[in-house]
């Protein structure tokens, strides 16, 4: 995976606003596979409870939480942009060296 770049250096087209550029990468199939594994381990928890195998339930719940959390968060960040809470800054100006200013 590459680090997002914004091409901040000076170019002939100086009117391009680098702060409005976004870096988007498609999620692919991995988040869907993670959600599927989370559901699979949730069914394994139900199976363990039905067979009174209580010692395995806490460990299976770790898998359920881990896979469902990472899968759902990956899908939410990729496909549900409107769920992201952002704070609009009044103005972002690059420093005189071309580096992003704070």
C-alpha atoms as a PDB file:
ATOM      1  CA  UNK A   1       0.000   0.000   0.000  1.00  0.00           C
ATOM      2  CA  UNK A   2       1.310   3.433  -0.872  1.00  0.00           C
ATOM      3  CA  UNK A   3       1.172   6.563   1.214  1.00  0.00           C
ATOM      4  CA  UNK A   4      -1.243   9.129  -0.253  1.00  0.00           C
ATOM      5  CA  UNK A   5       0.497  11.966  -2.040  1.00  0.00           C
ATOM      6  CA  UNK A   6      -1.016  15.346  -2.817  1.00  0.00           C
ATOM      7  CA  UNK A   7       1.606  16.778  -5.225  1.00  0.00           C
ATOM      8  CA  UNK A   8       2.158  19.871  -3.122  1.00  0.00           C
ATOM      9  CA  UNK A   9       5.241  21.068  -5.026  1.00  0.00           C
ATOM     10  CA  UNK A  10       4.923  24.147  -7.192  1.00  0.00           C
ATOM     11  CA  UNK A  11       3.663  23.502 -10.705  1.00  0.00           C
ATOM     12  CA  UNK A  12       2.694  25.578 -13.699  1.00  0.00           C
ATOM     13  CA  UNK A  13      -0.938  25.307 -12.590  1.00  0.00           C
ATOM     14  CA  UNK A  14      -0.593  27.060  -9.228  1.00  0.00           C
ATOM     15  CA  UNK A  15      -4.355  27.530  -8.897  1.00  0.00           C
ATOM     16  CA  UNK A  16      -4.918  23.837  -8.122  1.00  0.00           C
ATOM     17  CA  UNK A  17      -5.955  23.514  -4.491  1.00  0.00           C
ATOM     18  CA  UNK A  18      -4.147  20.501  -3.013  1.00  0.00           C
ATOM     19  CA  UNK A  19      -6.175  20.526   0.189  1.00  0.00           C
ATOM     20  CA  UNK A  20      -9.317  19.448  -1.689  1.00  0.00           C
ATOM     21  CA  UNK A  21      -7.681  16.376  -3.197  1.00  0.00           C
ATOM     22  CA  UNK A  22      -8.695  13.108  -1.596  1.00  0.00           C
ATOM     23  CA  UNK A  23      -7.126   9.676  -1.613  1.00  0.00           C
ATOM     24  CA  UNK A  24      -9.651   6.935  -2.207  1.00  0.00           C
ATOM     25  CA  UNK A  25      -8.982   3.254  -2.532  1.00  0.00           C
ATOM     26  CA  UNK A  26     -11.638   0.657  -3.185  1.00  0.00           C
ATOM     27  CA  UNK A  27     -12.227  -1.823  -0.403  1.00  0.00           C
ATOM     28  CA  UNK A  28     -12.181  -4.895  -2.591  1.00  0.00           C
ATOM     29  CA  UNK A  29     -13.417  -8.208  -1.237  1.00  0.00           C
ATOM     30  CA  UNK A  30     -11.436  -8.299   2.002  1.00  0.00           C
ATOM     31  CA  UNK A  31     -13.971  -6.428   4.205  1.00  0.00           C
ATOM     32  CA  UNK A  32     -16.754  -8.696   2.949  1.00  0.00           C
ATOM     33  CA  UNK A  33     -14.633 -11.752   3.781  1.00  0.00           C
ATOM     34  CA  UNK A  34     -13.977 -10.334   7.265  1.00  0.00           C
ATOM     35  CA  UNK A  35     -17.706  -9.823   7.897  1.00  0.00           C
ATOM     36  CA  UNK A  36     -18.382 -13.359   6.635  1.00  0.00           C
ATOM     37  CA  UNK A  37     -15.768 -14.764   9.018  1.00  0.00           C
ATOM     38  CA  UNK A  38     -17.283 -12.758  11.870  1.00  0.00           C
ATOM     39  CA  UNK A  39     -20.695 -14.257  11.154  1.00  0.00           C
ATOM     40  CA  UNK A  40     -19.129 -17.719  10.877  1.00  0.00           C
ATOM     41  CA  UNK A  41     -17.522 -17.370  14.320  1.00  0.00           C
ATOM     42  CA  UNK A  42     -20.787 -16.026  15.719  1.00  0.00           C
ATOM     43  CA  UNK A  43     -22.451 -19.234  14.547  1.00  0.00           C
ATOM     44  CA  UNK A  44     -19.585 -21.148  16.171  1.00  0.00           C
ATOM     45  CA  UNK A  45     -20.418 -19.380  19.464  1.00  0.00           C
ATOM     46  CA  UNK A  46     -24.049 -20.477  19.144  1.00  0.00           C
ATOM     47  CA  UNK A  47     -22.904 -24.027  18.370  1.00  0.00           C
ATOM     48  CA  UNK A  48     -20.554 -24.043  21.392  1.00  0.00           C
ATOM     49  CA  UNK A  49     -23.332 -22.823  23.685  1.00  0.00           C
ATOM     50  CA  UNK A  50     -25.764 -25.461  22.397  1.00  0.00           C
ATOM     51  CA  UNK A  51     -23.209 -28.199  23.070  1.00  0.00           C
ATOM     52  CA  UNK A  52     -22.340 -26.770  26.500  1.00  0.00           C
ATOM     53  CA  UNK A  53     -18.736 -26.094  25.494  1.00  0.00           C
ATOM     54  CA  UNK A  54     -18.529 -22.915  27.558  1.00  0.00           C
ATOM     55  CA  UNK A  55     -14.719 -22.749  27.813  1.00  0.00           C
ATOM     56  CA  UNK A  56     -14.363 -21.846  24.124  1.00  0.00           C
ATOM     57  CA  UNK A  57     -16.958 -19.053  24.059  1.00  0.00           C
ATOM     58  CA  UNK A  58     -14.729 -16.182  25.308  1.00  0.00           C
ATOM     59  CA  UNK A  59     -12.055 -17.010  22.728  1.00  0.00           C
ATOM     60  CA  UNK A  60     -14.576 -17.318  19.918  1.00  0.00           C
ATOM     61  CA  UNK A  61     -16.066 -13.965  20.919  1.00  0.00           C
ATOM     62  CA  UNK A  62     -12.631 -12.390  20.406  1.00  0.00           C
ATOM     63  CA  UNK A  63     -12.716 -13.615  16.804  1.00  0.00           C
ATOM     64  CA  UNK A  64     -16.297 -12.415  16.356  1.00  0.00           C
ATOM     65  CA  UNK A  65     -15.449  -8.936  17.653  1.00  0.00           C
ATOM     66  CA  UNK A  66     -12.210  -8.648  15.690  1.00  0.00           C
ATOM     67  CA  UNK A  67     -13.526  -9.748  12.309  1.00  0.00           C
ATOM     68  CA  UNK A  68     -16.837  -7.903  12.530  1.00  0.00           C
ATOM     69  CA  UNK A  69     -15.248  -4.685  13.780  1.00  0.00           C
ATOM     70  CA  UNK A  70     -12.545  -4.512  11.109  1.00  0.00           C
ATOM     71  CA  UNK A  71     -14.892  -5.575   8.317  1.00  0.00           C
ATOM     72  CA  UNK A  72     -17.711  -3.189   9.214  1.00  0.00           C
ATOM     73  CA  UNK A  73     -15.332  -0.272   9.803  1.00  0.00           C
ATOM     74  CA  UNK A  74     -13.601  -0.877   6.461  1.00  0.00           C
ATOM     75  CA  UNK A  75     -16.945  -0.921   4.678  1.00  0.00           C
ATOM     76  CA  UNK A  76     -18.160   2.153   6.548  1.00  0.00           C
ATOM     77  CA  UNK A  77     -15.054   4.167   5.690  1.00  0.00           C
ATOM     78  CA  UNK A  78     -15.150   3.133   2.056  1.00  0.00           C
ATOM     79  CA  UNK A  79     -18.808   3.184   1.122  1.00  0.00           C
ATOM     80  CA  UNK A  80     -20.498   5.381   3.701  1.00  0.00           C
ATOM     81  CA  UNK A  81     -18.578   8.650   3.428  1.00  0.00           C
ATOM     82  CA  UNK A  82     -21.489  10.582   4.896  1.00  0.00           C
ATOM     83  CA  UNK A  83     -21.115   8.738   8.214  1.00  0.00           C
ATOM     84  CA  UNK A  84     -17.739  10.373   8.765  1.00  0.00           C
ATOM     85  CA  UNK A  85     -17.837  13.331  11.135  1.00  0.00           C
ATOM     86  CA  UNK A  86     -15.559  16.081   9.878  1.00  0.00           C
ATOM     87  CA  UNK A  87     -14.637  19.493  11.144  1.00  0.00           C
ATOM     88  CA  UNK A  88     -14.276  22.120   8.470  1.00  0.00           C
ATOM     89  CA  UNK A  89     -11.220  24.302   8.950  1.00  0.00           C
ATOM     90  CA  UNK A  90     -11.585  27.899   7.808  1.00  0.00           C
ATOM     91  CA  UNK A  91      -8.491  27.979   5.589  1.00  0.00           C
ATOM     92  CA  UNK A  92      -5.547  25.697   4.906  1.00  0.00           C
ATOM     93  CA  UNK A  93      -2.457  27.367   3.467  1.00  0.00           C
ATOM     94  CA  UNK A  94       0.780  25.628   2.518  1.00  0.00           C
ATOM     95  CA  UNK A  95       3.944  26.867   4.165  1.00  0.00           C
ATOM     96  CA  UNK A  96       6.471  28.834   2.119  1.00  0.00           C
ATOM     97  CA  UNK A  97       8.507  25.622   1.675  1.00  0.00           C
ATOM     98  CA  UNK A  98       5.560  23.851   0.051  1.00  0.00           C
ATOM     99  CA  UNK A  99       4.922  21.615   3.042  1.00  0.00           C
ATOM    100  CA  UNK A 100       1.384  21.482   4.427  1.00  0.00           C
ATOM    101  CA  UNK A 101       0.738  24.168   7.036  1.00  0.00           C
ATOM    102  CA  UNK A 102      -1.024  23.738  10.314  1.00  0.00           C
END
